[in-house]
Amino acid sequence: MKTVYGLMINSGSADEMLWDHGVWETEEAANLYIETEMSNISGIWVGELKVNDSIHESAEDLGDEMIECSLCGIEYNAEDVNTTDYEEAVCINCEPGYKETMDIA
């Protein structure tokens, strides 16, 4: 579990978070936002929120090889580029147009 801080307001029947303003990692940062951006609004305070942060950044797999499409120049995952059927690396977005030009030639 991770603790973050958000802006809270009392809507009459309960306290609610103002989700559209975001969350902050420290209470001080959230208070600073209230002071600088919302100083003319009353009834807003910083509330603590517990979120499930089960996936750590180290779990992200950065080892995937990216392949550049020879037609559009955009890099894609290897699964999205056809390198076996053509002499060039062709992405799934360019492949329909590339097939049409091959039929004409």
PDB file of N, CA and C in Angstrom:
ATOM      1  N   MET A   1       0.840  -1.180   0.000  1.00  0.00           N
ATOM      2  CA  MET A   1       0.000   0.000   0.000  1.00  0.00           C
ATOM      3  C   MET A   1       0.885   1.244   0.000  1.00  0.00           C
ATOM      4  N   LYS A   2       0.413   2.233  -0.719  1.00  0.00           N
ATOM      5  CA  LYS A   2       1.143   3.491  -0.820  1.00  0.00           C
ATOM      6  C   LYS A   2       0.227   4.610  -0.350  1.00  0.00           C
ATOM      7  N   THR A   3       0.768   5.609   0.299  1.00  0.00           N
ATOM      8  CA  THR A   3      -0.007   6.746   0.761  1.00  0.00           C
ATOM      9  C   THR A   3       0.227   7.923  -0.169  1.00  0.00           C
ATOM     10  N   VAL A   4      -0.859   8.509  -0.666  1.00  0.00           N
ATOM     11  CA  VAL A   4      -0.812   9.727  -1.460  1.00  0.00           C
ATOM     12  C   VAL A   4      -1.785  10.719  -0.838  1.00  0.00           C
ATOM     13  N   TYR A   5      -1.732  11.936  -1.294  1.00  0.00           N
ATOM     14  CA  TYR A   5      -2.567  12.982  -0.717  1.00  0.00           C
ATOM     15  C   TYR A   5      -3.353  13.673  -1.817  1.00  0.00           C
ATOM     16  N   GLY A   6      -4.617  13.928  -1.539  1.00  0.00           N
ATOM     17  CA  GLY A   6      -5.487  14.582  -2.506  1.00  0.00           C
ATOM     18  C   GLY A   6      -6.286  15.692  -1.849  1.00  0.00           C
ATOM     19  N   LEU A   7      -6.961  16.457  -2.665  1.00  0.00           N
ATOM     20  CA  LEU A   7      -7.768  17.562  -2.170  1.00  0.00           C
ATOM     21  C   LEU A   7      -9.161  17.049  -1.826  1.00  0.00           C
ATOM     22  N   MET A   8      -9.646  17.431  -0.650  1.00  0.00           N
ATOM     23  CA  MET A   8     -10.931  16.966  -0.156  1.00  0.00           C
ATOM     24  C   MET A   8     -11.873  18.154   0.022  1.00  0.00           C
ATOM     25  N   ILE A   9     -13.176  17.859  -0.076  1.00  0.00           N
ATOM     26  CA  ILE A   9     -14.216  18.854   0.142  1.00  0.00           C
ATOM     27  C   ILE A   9     -15.419  18.151   0.743  1.00  0.00           C
ATOM     28  N   ASN A  10     -16.187  18.858   1.553  1.00  0.00           N
ATOM     29  CA  ASN A  10     -17.400  18.292   2.124  1.00  0.00           C
ATOM     30  C   ASN A  10     -18.554  18.658   1.206  1.00  0.00           C
ATOM     31  N   SER A  11     -19.194  17.649   0.640  1.00  0.00           N
ATOM     32  CA  SER A  11     -20.277  17.890  -0.318  1.00  0.00           C
ATOM     33  C   SER A  11     -21.636  18.006   0.354  1.00  0.00           C
ATOM     34  N   GLY A  12     -21.662  17.969   1.660  1.00  0.00           N
ATOM     35  CA  GLY A  12     -22.925  18.076   2.384  1.00  0.00           C
ATOM     36  C   GLY A  12     -23.227  16.813   3.157  1.00  0.00           C
ATOM     37  N   SER A  13     -23.153  15.680   2.486  1.00  0.00           N
ATOM     38  CA  SER A  13     -23.443  14.420   3.168  1.00  0.00           C
ATOM     39  C   SER A  13     -22.193  13.615   3.490  1.00  0.00           C
ATOM     40  N   ALA A  14     -21.078  13.941   2.849  1.00  0.00           N
ATOM     41  CA  ALA A  14     -19.840  13.192   3.076  1.00  0.00           C
ATOM     42  C   ALA A  14     -18.656  13.989   2.550  1.00  0.00           C
ATOM     43  N   ASP A  15     -17.472  13.573   2.967  1.00  0.00           N
ATOM     44  CA  ASP A  15     -16.249  14.156   2.430  1.00  0.00           C
ATOM     45  C   ASP A  15     -15.921  13.457   1.117  1.00  0.00           C
ATOM     46  N   GLU A  16     -15.568  14.227   0.100  1.00  0.00           N
ATOM     47  CA  GLU A  16     -15.250  13.665  -1.208  1.00  0.00           C
ATOM     48  C   GLU A  16     -13.923  14.223  -1.694  1.00  0.00           C
ATOM     49  N   MET A  17     -13.246  13.421  -2.499  1.00  0.00           N
ATOM     50  CA  MET A  17     -11.980  13.869  -3.071  1.00  0.00           C
ATOM     51  C   MET A  17     -12.237  14.562  -4.400  1.00  0.00           C
ATOM     52  N   LEU A  18     -11.485  15.614  -4.651  1.00  0.00           N
ATOM     53  CA  LEU A  18     -11.542  16.308  -5.937  1.00  0.00           C
ATOM     54  C   LEU A  18     -10.552  15.619  -6.874  1.00  0.00           C
ATOM     55  N   TRP A  19     -10.981  14.538  -7.519  1.00  0.00           N
ATOM     56  CA  TRP A  19     -10.090  13.699  -8.329  1.00  0.00           C
ATOM     57  C   TRP A  19      -9.480  14.438  -9.503  1.00  0.00           C
ATOM     58  N   ASP A  20     -10.174  15.389 -10.074  1.00  0.00           N
ATOM     59  CA  ASP A  20      -9.676  16.057 -11.276  1.00  0.00           C
ATOM     60  C   ASP A  20      -8.493  16.989 -11.018  1.00  0.00           C
ATOM     61  N   HIS A  21      -8.138  17.188  -9.772  1.00  0.00           N
ATOM     62  CA  HIS A  21      -6.966  18.011  -9.461  1.00  0.00           C
ATOM     63  C   HIS A  21      -5.716  17.182  -9.214  1.00  0.00           C
ATOM     64  N   GLY A  22      -5.832  15.875  -9.187  1.00  0.00           N
ATOM     65  CA  GLY A  22      -4.678  15.000  -9.061  1.00  0.00           C
ATOM     66  C   GLY A  22      -4.374  14.595  -7.636  1.00  0.00           C
ATOM     67  N   VAL A  23      -3.236  13.923  -7.478  1.00  0.00           N
ATOM     68  CA  VAL A  23      -2.744  13.492  -6.168  1.00  0.00           C
ATOM     69  C   VAL A  23      -1.277  13.874  -6.040  1.00  0.00           C
ATOM     70  N   TRP A  24      -0.805  13.966  -4.810  1.00  0.00           N
ATOM     71  CA  TRP A  24       0.568  14.343  -4.514  1.00  0.00           C
ATOM     72  C   TRP A  24       1.193  13.305  -3.609  1.00  0.00           C
ATOM     73  N   GLU A  25       2.505  13.158  -3.694  1.00  0.00           N
ATOM     74  CA  GLU A  25       3.211  12.182  -2.870  1.00  0.00           C
ATOM     75  C   GLU A  25       3.438  12.676  -1.454  1.00  0.00           C
ATOM     76  N   THR A  26       3.411  13.989  -1.244  1.00  0.00           N
ATOM     77  CA  THR A  26       3.598  14.516   0.105  1.00  0.00           C
ATOM     78  C   THR A  26       2.451  15.463   0.446  1.00  0.00           C
ATOM     79  N   GLU A  27       2.165  15.544   1.738  1.00  0.00           N
ATOM     80  CA  GLU A  27       1.114  16.439   2.214  1.00  0.00           C
ATOM     81  C   GLU A  27       1.509  17.895   1.988  1.00  0.00           C
ATOM     82  N   GLU A  28       2.796  18.170   2.115  1.00  0.00           N
ATOM     83  CA  GLU A  28       3.287  19.538   1.916  1.00  0.00           C
ATOM     84  C   GLU A  28       3.055  20.008   0.479  1.00  0.00           C
ATOM     85  N   ALA A  29       3.275  19.128  -0.481  1.00  0.00           N
ATOM     86  CA  ALA A  29       3.072  19.494  -1.885  1.00  0.00           C
ATOM     87  C   ALA A  29       1.602  19.780  -2.164  1.00  0.00           C
ATOM     88  N   ALA A  30       0.711  18.998  -1.582  1.00  0.00           N
ATOM     89  CA  ALA A  30      -0.722  19.229  -1.770  1.00  0.00           C
ATOM     90  C   ALA A  30      -1.146  20.544  -1.126  1.00  0.00           C
ATOM     91  N   ASN A  31      -0.631  20.831   0.065  1.00  0.00           N
ATOM     92  CA  ASN A  31      -0.939  22.111   0.729  1.00  0.00           C
ATOM     93  C   ASN A  31      -0.405  23.293  -0.064  1.00  0.00           C
ATOM     94  N   LEU A  32       0.762  23.148  -0.654  1.00  0.00           N
ATOM     95  CA  LEU A  32       1.332  24.205  -1.481  1.00  0.00           C
ATOM     96  C   LEU A  32       0.436  24.481  -2.689  1.00  0.00           C
ATOM     97  N   TYR A  33      -0.115  23.413  -3.282  1.00  0.00           N
ATOM     98  CA  TYR A  33      -1.031  23.583  -4.417  1.00  0.00           C
ATOM     99  C   TYR A  33      -2.272  24.368  -3.994  1.00  0.00           C
ATOM    100  N   ILE A  34      -2.813  24.038  -2.825  1.00  0.00           N
ATOM    101  CA  ILE A  34      -3.987  24.768  -2.331  1.00  0.00           C
ATOM    102  C   ILE A  34      -3.647  26.243  -2.141  1.00  0.00           C
ATOM    103  N   GLU A  35      -2.489  26.517  -1.553  1.00  0.00           N
ATOM    104  CA  GLU A  35      -2.095  27.903  -1.293  1.00  0.00           C
ATOM    105  C   GLU A  35      -1.861  28.695  -2.567  1.00  0.00           C
ATOM    106  N   THR A  36      -1.278  28.087  -3.586  1.00  0.00           N
ATOM    107  CA  THR A  36      -0.929  28.833  -4.796  1.00  0.00           C
ATOM    108  C   THR A  36      -2.039  28.856  -5.834  1.00  0.00           C
ATOM    109  N   GLU A  37      -2.717  27.732  -6.023  1.00  0.00           N
ATOM    110  CA  GLU A  37      -3.696  27.637  -7.101  1.00  0.00           C
ATOM    111  C   GLU A  37      -5.149  27.817  -6.655  1.00  0.00           C
ATOM    112  N   MET A  38      -5.440  27.563  -5.393  1.00  0.00           N
ATOM    113  CA  MET A  38      -6.831  27.576  -4.946  1.00  0.00           C
ATOM    114  C   MET A  38      -7.012  28.446  -3.705  1.00  0.00           C
ATOM    115  N   SER A  39      -6.212  29.493  -3.584  1.00  0.00           N
ATOM    116  CA  SER A  39      -6.244  30.328  -2.388  1.00  0.00           C
ATOM    117  C   SER A  39      -7.568  31.086  -2.229  1.00  0.00           C
ATOM    118  N   ASN A  40      -8.293  31.282  -3.299  1.00  0.00           N
ATOM    119  CA  ASN A  40      -9.555  32.017  -3.228  1.00  0.00           C
ATOM    120  C   ASN A  40     -10.769  31.105  -2.994  1.00  0.00           C
ATOM    121  N   ILE A  41     -10.534  29.799  -2.784  1.00  0.00           N
ATOM    122  CA  ILE A  41     -11.621  28.848  -2.547  1.00  0.00           C
ATOM    123  C   ILE A  41     -11.495  28.331  -1.123  1.00  0.00           C
ATOM    124  N   SER A  42     -12.599  28.369  -0.380  1.00  0.00           N
ATOM    125  CA  SER A  42     -12.565  27.876   1.002  1.00  0.00           C
ATOM    126  C   SER A  42     -13.198  26.496   1.082  1.00  0.00           C
ATOM    127  N   GLY A  43     -12.922  25.804   2.170  1.00  0.00           N
ATOM    128  CA  GLY A  43     -13.528  24.501   2.401  1.00  0.00           C
ATOM    129  C   GLY A  43     -12.785  23.333   1.771  1.00  0.00           C
ATOM    130  N   ILE A  44     -11.555  23.554   1.342  1.00  0.00           N
ATOM    131  CA  ILE A  44     -10.755  22.485   0.737  1.00  0.00           C
ATOM    132  C   ILE A  44      -9.593  22.172   1.670  1.00  0.00           C
ATOM    133  N   TRP A  45      -9.333  20.902   1.885  1.00  0.00           N
ATOM    134  CA  TRP A  45      -8.213  20.485   2.713  1.00  0.00           C
ATOM    135  C   TRP A  45      -7.555  19.265   2.093  1.00  0.00           C
ATOM    136  N   VAL A  46      -6.411  18.892   2.639  1.00  0.00           N
ATOM    137  CA  VAL A  46      -5.651  17.752   2.137  1.00  0.00           C
ATOM    138  C   VAL A  46      -6.052  16.513   2.919  1.00  0.00           C
ATOM    139  N   GLY A  47      -6.359  15.459   2.173  1.00  0.00           N
ATOM    140  CA  GLY A  47      -6.712  14.183   2.787  1.00  0.00           C
ATOM    141  C   GLY A  47      -5.757  13.087   2.371  1.00  0.00           C
ATOM    142  N   GLU A  48      -5.554  12.138   3.270  1.00  0.00           N
ATOM    143  CA  GLU A  48      -4.654  11.017   3.010  1.00  0.00           C
ATOM    144  C   GLU A  48      -5.424   9.889   2.331  1.00  0.00           C
ATOM    145  N   LEU A  49      -4.814   9.297   1.313  1.00  0.00           N
ATOM    146  CA  LEU A  49      -5.427   8.188   0.582  1.00  0.00           C
ATOM    147  C   LEU A  49      -4.466   7.023   0.540  1.00  0.00           C
ATOM    148  N   LYS A  50      -4.979   5.826   0.726  1.00  0.00           N
ATOM    149  CA  LYS A  50      -4.172   4.606   0.614  1.00  0.00           C
ATOM    150  C   LYS A  50      -4.510   3.963  -0.724  1.00  0.00           C
ATOM    151  N   VAL A  51      -3.490   3.719  -1.533  1.00  0.00           N
ATOM    152  CA  VAL A  51      -3.696   3.085  -2.838  1.00  0.00           C
ATOM    153  C   VAL A  51      -2.880   1.814  -2.911  1.00  0.00           C
ATOM    154  N   ASN A  52      -3.380   0.862  -3.670  1.00  0.00           N
ATOM    155  CA  ASN A  52      -2.681  -0.400  -3.859  1.00  0.00           C
ATOM    156  C   ASN A  52      -1.620  -0.204  -4.924  1.00  0.00           C
ATOM    157  N   ASP A  53      -0.392  -0.274  -4.541  1.00  0.00           N
ATOM    158  CA  ASP A  53       0.729  -0.079  -5.451  1.00  0.00           C
ATOM    159  C   ASP A  53       1.491  -1.397  -5.572  1.00  0.00           C
ATOM    160  N   SER A  54       0.787  -2.424  -6.069  1.00  0.00           N
ATOM    161  CA  SER A  54       1.354  -3.765  -6.072  1.00  0.00           C
ATOM    162  C   SER A  54       2.403  -3.989  -7.152  1.00  0.00           C
ATOM    163  N   ILE A  55       2.355  -3.232  -8.232  1.00  0.00           N
ATOM    164  CA  ILE A  55       3.333  -3.406  -9.303  1.00  0.00           C
ATOM    165  C   ILE A  55       4.416  -2.354  -9.143  1.00  0.00           C
ATOM    166  N   HIS A  56       5.591  -2.808  -8.873  1.00  0.00           N
ATOM    167  CA  HIS A  56       6.721  -1.908  -8.677  1.00  0.00           C
ATOM    168  C   HIS A  56       7.313  -1.550 -10.038  1.00  0.00           C
ATOM    169  N   GLU A  57       7.970  -0.418 -10.136  1.00  0.00           N
ATOM    170  CA  GLU A  57       8.562   0.026 -11.398  1.00  0.00           C
ATOM    171  C   GLU A  57       9.555  -0.982 -11.950  1.00  0.00           C
ATOM    172  N   SER A  58      10.233  -1.715 -11.073  1.00  0.00           N
ATOM    173  CA  SER A  58      11.218  -2.683 -11.542  1.00  0.00           C
ATOM    174  C   SER A  58      10.573  -3.856 -12.267  1.00  0.00           C
ATOM    175  N   ALA A  59       9.250  -4.023 -12.133  1.00  0.00           N
ATOM    176  CA  ALA A  59       8.560  -5.113 -12.814  1.00  0.00           C
ATOM    177  C   ALA A  59       8.372  -4.823 -14.299  1.00  0.00           C
ATOM    178  N   GLU A  60       8.561  -3.578 -14.700  1.00  0.00           N
ATOM    179  CA  GLU A  60       8.405  -3.205 -16.102  1.00  0.00           C
ATOM    180  C   GLU A  60       9.520  -3.829 -16.937  1.00  0.00           C
ATOM    181  N   ASP A  61       9.140  -4.493 -18.007  1.00  0.00           N
ATOM    182  CA  ASP A  61      10.123  -5.164 -18.850  1.00  0.00           C
ATOM    183  C   ASP A  61      10.606  -4.199 -19.918  1.00  0.00           C
ATOM    184  N   LEU A  62      11.823  -3.744 -19.786  1.00  0.00           N
ATOM    185  CA  LEU A  62      12.387  -2.811 -20.753  1.00  0.00           C
ATOM    186  C   LEU A  62      13.226  -3.511 -21.809  1.00  0.00           C
ATOM    187  N   GLY A  63      13.240  -4.839 -21.799  1.00  0.00           N
ATOM    188  CA  GLY A  63      14.081  -5.594 -22.694  1.00  0.00           C
ATOM    189  C   GLY A  63      13.478  -5.865 -24.058  1.00  0.00           C
ATOM    190  N   ASP A  64      12.239  -5.475 -24.302  1.00  0.00           N
ATOM    191  CA  ASP A  64      11.621  -5.728 -25.595  1.00  0.00           C
ATOM    192  C   ASP A  64      12.337  -4.955 -26.697  1.00  0.00           C
ATOM    193  N   GLU A  65      12.656  -5.661 -27.764  1.00  0.00           N
ATOM    194  CA  GLU A  65      13.333  -5.034 -28.892  1.00  0.00           C
ATOM    195  C   GLU A  65      12.301  -4.309 -29.750  1.00  0.00           C
ATOM    196  N   MET A  66      12.595  -3.088 -30.093  1.00  0.00           N
ATOM    197  CA  MET A  66      11.721  -2.302 -30.953  1.00  0.00           C
ATOM    198  C   MET A  66      12.272  -2.366 -32.372  1.00  0.00           C
ATOM    199  N   ILE A  67      11.352  -2.470 -33.346  1.00  0.00           N
ATOM    200  CA  ILE A  67      11.741  -2.539 -34.746  1.00  0.00           C
ATOM    201  C   ILE A  67      11.124  -1.352 -35.465  1.00  0.00           C
ATOM    202  N   GLU A  68      11.940  -0.669 -36.262  1.00  0.00           N
ATOM    203  CA  GLU A  68      11.468   0.499 -36.994  1.00  0.00           C
ATOM    204  C   GLU A  68      10.868   0.071 -38.320  1.00  0.00           C
ATOM    205  N   CYS A  69       9.681   0.578 -38.611  1.00  0.00           N
ATOM    206  CA  CYS A  69       9.031   0.318 -39.897  1.00  0.00           C
ATOM    207  C   CYS A  69       9.800   1.081 -40.973  1.00  0.00           C
ATOM    208  N   SER A  70      10.157   0.395 -42.051  1.00  0.00           N
ATOM    209  CA  SER A  70      10.940   1.038 -43.104  1.00  0.00           C
ATOM    210  C   SER A  70      10.108   2.020 -43.928  1.00  0.00           C
ATOM    211  N   LEU A  71       8.781   1.967 -43.798  1.00  0.00           N
ATOM    212  CA  LEU A  71       7.931   2.884 -44.562  1.00  0.00           C
ATOM    213  C   LEU A  71       7.600   4.161 -43.795  1.00  0.00           C
ATOM    214  N   CYS A  72       7.124   4.026 -42.552  1.00  0.00           N
ATOM    215  CA  CYS A  72       6.714   5.219 -41.802  1.00  0.00           C
ATOM    216  C   CYS A  72       7.770   5.699 -40.820  1.00  0.00           C
ATOM    217  N   GLY A  73       8.768   4.851 -40.497  1.00  0.00           N
ATOM    218  CA  GLY A  73       9.854   5.247 -39.607  1.00  0.00           C
ATOM    219  C   GLY A  73       9.516   5.207 -38.133  1.00  0.00           C
ATOM    220  N   ILE A  74       8.364   4.657 -37.765  1.00  0.00           N
ATOM    221  CA  ILE A  74       7.957   4.563 -36.367  1.00  0.00           C
ATOM    222  C   ILE A  74       8.413   3.222 -35.807  1.00  0.00           C
ATOM    223  N   GLU A  75       8.894   3.220 -34.567  1.00  0.00           N
ATOM    224  CA  GLU A  75       9.327   1.982 -33.932  1.00  0.00           C
ATOM    225  C   GLU A  75       8.143   1.278 -33.286  1.00  0.00           C
ATOM    226  N   TYR A  76       8.063  -0.028 -33.476  1.00  0.00           N
ATOM    227  CA  TYR A  76       6.982  -0.851 -32.942  1.00  0.00           C
ATOM    228  C   TYR A  76       7.567  -2.049 -32.217  1.00  0.00           C
ATOM    229  N   ASN A  77       6.726  -2.717 -31.417  1.00  0.00           N
ATOM    230  CA  ASN A  77       7.100  -4.008 -30.850  1.00  0.00           C
ATOM    231  C   ASN A  77       7.288  -4.985 -31.996  1.00  0.00           C
ATOM    232  N   ALA A  78       8.098  -5.986 -31.781  1.00  0.00           N
ATOM    233  CA  ALA A  78       8.397  -6.967 -32.832  1.00  0.00           C
ATOM    234  C   ALA A  78       7.133  -7.655 -33.348  1.00  0.00           C
ATOM    235  N   GLU A  79       6.126  -7.824 -32.497  1.00  0.00           N
ATOM    236  CA  GLU A  79       4.887  -8.477 -32.915  1.00  0.00           C
ATOM    237  C   GLU A  79       4.080  -7.642 -33.910  1.00  0.00           C
ATOM    238  N   ASP A  80       4.307  -6.339 -33.948  1.00  0.00           N
ATOM    239  CA  ASP A  80       3.544  -5.443 -34.812  1.00  0.00           C
ATOM    240  C   ASP A  80       4.238  -5.130 -36.129  1.00  0.00           C
ATOM    241  N   VAL A  81       5.357  -5.776 -36.402  1.00  0.00           N
ATOM    242  CA  VAL A  81       6.108  -5.523 -37.637  1.00  0.00           C
ATOM    243  C   VAL A  81       6.316  -6.845 -38.360  1.00  0.00           C
ATOM    244  N   ASN A  82       5.971  -6.872 -39.643  1.00  0.00           N
ATOM    245  CA  ASN A  82       6.145  -8.069 -40.461  1.00  0.00           C
ATOM    246  C   ASN A  82       7.532  -8.015 -41.087  1.00  0.00           C
ATOM    247  N   THR A  83       8.402  -8.898 -40.635  1.00  0.00           N
ATOM    248  CA  THR A  83       9.763  -8.952 -41.172  1.00  0.00           C
ATOM    249  C   THR A  83      10.011 -10.228 -41.965  1.00  0.00           C
ATOM    250  N   THR A  84       9.015 -11.100 -42.032  1.00  0.00           N
ATOM    251  CA  THR A  84       9.219 -12.394 -42.693  1.00  0.00           C
ATOM    252  C   THR A  84       8.673 -12.426 -44.119  1.00  0.00           C
ATOM    253  N   ASP A  85       7.577 -11.737 -44.399  1.00  0.00           N
ATOM    254  CA  ASP A  85       6.935 -11.827 -45.709  1.00  0.00           C
ATOM    255  C   ASP A  85       7.489 -10.846 -46.742  1.00  0.00           C
ATOM    256  N   TYR A  86       8.204  -9.842 -46.313  1.00  0.00           N
ATOM    257  CA  TYR A  86       8.691  -8.798 -47.214  1.00  0.00           C
ATOM    258  C   TYR A  86      10.187  -8.606 -47.008  1.00  0.00           C
ATOM    259  N   GLU A  87      10.811  -7.953 -47.981  1.00  0.00           N
ATOM    260  CA  GLU A  87      12.239  -7.648 -47.861  1.00  0.00           C
ATOM    261  C   GLU A  87      12.478  -6.539 -46.840  1.00  0.00           C
ATOM    262  N   GLU A  88      11.469  -5.712 -46.610  1.00  0.00           N
ATOM    263  CA  GLU A  88      11.573  -4.601 -45.677  1.00  0.00           C
ATOM    264  C   GLU A  88      10.738  -4.898 -44.435  1.00  0.00           C
ATOM    265  N   ALA A  89      11.020  -4.214 -43.346  1.00  0.00           N
ATOM    266  CA  ALA A  89      10.198  -4.310 -42.140  1.00  0.00           C
ATOM    267  C   ALA A  89       8.984  -3.408 -42.329  1.00  0.00           C
ATOM    268  N   VAL A  90       7.780  -4.000 -42.314  1.00  0.00           N
ATOM    269  CA  VAL A  90       6.551  -3.254 -42.580  1.00  0.00           C
ATOM    270  C   VAL A  90       5.617  -3.420 -41.376  1.00  0.00           C
ATOM    271  N   CYS A  91       5.177  -2.296 -40.789  1.00  0.00           N
ATOM    272  CA  CYS A  91       4.295  -2.347 -39.623  1.00  0.00           C
ATOM    273  C   CYS A  91       2.871  -2.699 -40.031  1.00  0.00           C
ATOM    274  N   ILE A  92       2.047  -3.032 -39.040  1.00  0.00           N
ATOM    275  CA  ILE A  92       0.668  -3.429 -39.321  1.00  0.00           C
ATOM    276  C   ILE A  92      -0.157  -2.276 -39.887  1.00  0.00           C
ATOM    277  N   ASN A  93       0.243  -1.037 -39.626  1.00  0.00           N
ATOM    278  CA  ASN A  93      -0.496   0.107 -40.164  1.00  0.00           C
ATOM    279  C   ASN A  93      -0.167   0.361 -41.639  1.00  0.00           C
ATOM    280  N   CYS A  94       1.059   0.101 -42.039  1.00  0.00           N
ATOM    281  CA  CYS A  94       1.484   0.343 -43.420  1.00  0.00           C
ATOM    282  C   CYS A  94       1.268  -0.869 -44.321  1.00  0.00           C
ATOM    283  N   GLU A  95       1.066  -2.043 -43.745  1.00  0.00           N
ATOM    284  CA  GLU A  95       1.003  -3.279 -44.529  1.00  0.00           C
ATOM    285  C   GLU A  95      -0.108  -3.293 -45.583  1.00  0.00           C
ATOM    286  N   PRO A  96      -1.331  -2.840 -45.288  1.00  0.00           N
ATOM    287  CA  PRO A  96      -2.360  -2.857 -46.338  1.00  0.00           C
ATOM    288  C   PRO A  96      -1.976  -2.038 -47.571  1.00  0.00           C
ATOM    289  N   GLY A  97      -1.441  -0.853 -47.377  1.00  0.00           N
ATOM    290  CA  GLY A  97      -1.011  -0.020 -48.506  1.00  0.00           C
ATOM    291  C   GLY A  97       0.183  -0.610 -49.222  1.00  0.00           C
ATOM    292  N   TYR A  98       1.067  -1.234 -48.477  1.00  0.00           N
ATOM    293  CA  TYR A  98       2.256  -1.863 -49.078  1.00  0.00           C
ATOM    294  C   TYR A  98       1.842  -3.043 -49.942  1.00  0.00           C
ATOM    295  N   LYS A  99       0.850  -3.811 -49.512  1.00  0.00           N
ATOM    296  CA  LYS A  99       0.363  -4.950 -50.303  1.00  0.00           C
ATOM    297  C   LYS A  99      -0.257  -4.465 -51.608  1.00  0.00           C
ATOM    298  N   GLU A 100      -0.982  -3.355 -51.570  1.00  0.00           N
ATOM    299  CA  GLU A 100      -1.592  -2.797 -52.789  1.00  0.00           C
ATOM    300  C   GLU A 100      -0.532  -2.398 -53.806  1.00  0.00           C
ATOM    301  N   THR A 101       0.533  -1.768 -53.351  1.00  0.00           N
ATOM    302  CA  THR A 101       1.585  -1.361 -54.286  1.00  0.00           C
ATOM    303  C   THR A 101       2.324  -2.547 -54.855  1.00  0.00           C
ATOM    304  N   MET A 102       2.396  -3.644 -54.093  1.00  0.00           N
ATOM    305  CA  MET A 102       3.059  -4.853 -54.592  1.00  0.00           C
ATOM    306  C   MET A 102       2.232  -5.495 -55.696  1.00  0.00           C
ATOM    307  N   ASP A 103       0.901  -5.444 -55.593  1.00  0.00           N
ATOM    308  CA  ASP A 103       0.025  -6.038 -56.603  1.00  0.00           C
ATOM    309  C   ASP A 103       0.058  -5.265 -57.908  1.00  0.00           C
ATOM    310  N   ILE A 104       0.257  -3.956 -57.809  1.00  0.00           N
ATOM    311  CA  ILE A 104       0.290  -3.093 -59.013  1.00  0.00           C
ATOM    312  C   ILE A 104       1.571  -3.339 -59.780  1.00  0.00           C
ATOM    313  N   ALA A 105       2.672  -3.526 -59.095  1.00  0.00           N
ATOM    314  CA  ALA A 105       3.988  -3.640 -59.744  1.00  0.00           C
ATOM    315  C   ALA A 105       4.159  -4.915 -60.504  1.00  0.00           C
TER     316      ALA A 105
END
